[in-house]
Amino acid sequence: MDIKNINTKKKPVVLIDKTLDFFNDKILFPQKLEKANEMLKKIGLPKIQKTQ
């Protein structure tokens, strides 16, 4: 599908830069990741209440 053929009034056009795949296997902020994992172990995820 060509970008010119897309109806941009209803759908946003998003182009993804393939050079960002370089960061897939790297941990960019190891201290923050460690702290977040520690907090999840202690506290856990919040309970989701479903309303009907």
Protein backbone atom coordinates (compact mmCIF):
# COMPACT_ATOMS: atom_id res chain seq x y z
CA MET A 1 0.00 0.00 0.00
CA ASP A 2 1.37 3.37 -0.97
CA ILE A 3 1.25 6.31 1.45
CA LYS A 4 -0.52 8.48 -1.12
CA ASN A 5 -3.41 5.99 -1.36
CA ILE A 6 -4.20 6.01 2.39
CA ASN A 7 -7.11 8.12 3.59
CA THR A 8 -5.24 10.23 6.16
CA LYS A 9 -8.38 11.82 7.56
CA LYS A 10 -9.31 8.56 9.29
CA LYS A 11 -5.93 6.86 9.72
CA PRO A 12 -2.68 8.48 10.84
CA VAL A 13 0.39 7.73 8.76
CA VAL A 14 3.21 6.34 10.92
CA LEU A 15 6.59 5.52 9.46
CA ILE A 16 8.84 3.38 11.65
CA ASP A 17 12.57 3.93 11.38
CA LYS A 18 14.28 0.55 10.87
CA THR A 19 17.54 1.82 12.42
CA LEU A 20 15.84 1.68 15.84
CA ASP A 21 16.03 -2.14 15.69
CA PHE A 22 19.61 -1.66 16.91
CA PHE A 23 18.22 -1.07 20.43
CA ASN A 24 16.02 -4.22 20.62
CA ASP A 25 18.45 -6.37 22.59
CA LYS A 26 20.03 -3.63 24.74
CA ILE A 27 19.03 -2.53 28.22
CA LEU A 28 19.29 1.26 28.13
CA PHE A 29 18.62 2.05 31.81
CA PRO A 30 19.71 -0.93 33.93
CA GLN A 31 19.36 0.86 37.30
CA LYS A 32 15.79 1.93 36.57
CA LEU A 33 14.91 -1.55 35.29
CA GLU A 34 16.29 -3.13 38.46
CA LYS A 35 14.34 -0.71 40.66
CA ALA A 36 11.10 -1.30 38.72
CA ASN A 37 11.47 -5.08 38.94
CA GLU A 38 12.13 -4.82 42.69
CA MET A 39 9.00 -2.72 43.19
CA LEU A 40 6.91 -5.18 41.18
CA LYS A 41 8.15 -8.05 43.34
CA LYS A 42 7.25 -6.21 46.57
CA ILE A 43 4.01 -4.53 45.59
CA GLY A 44 2.77 -6.31 42.46
CA LEU A 45 0.44 -5.08 39.80
CA PRO A 46 -2.77 -3.22 40.72
CA LYS A 47 -6.05 -5.12 40.62
CA ILE A 48 -8.28 -4.21 37.70
CA GLN A 49 -11.95 -3.73 38.50
CA LYS A 50 -14.28 -4.63 35.65
CA THR A 51 -17.51 -2.67 35.47
CA GLN A 52 -20.46 -4.08 33.61
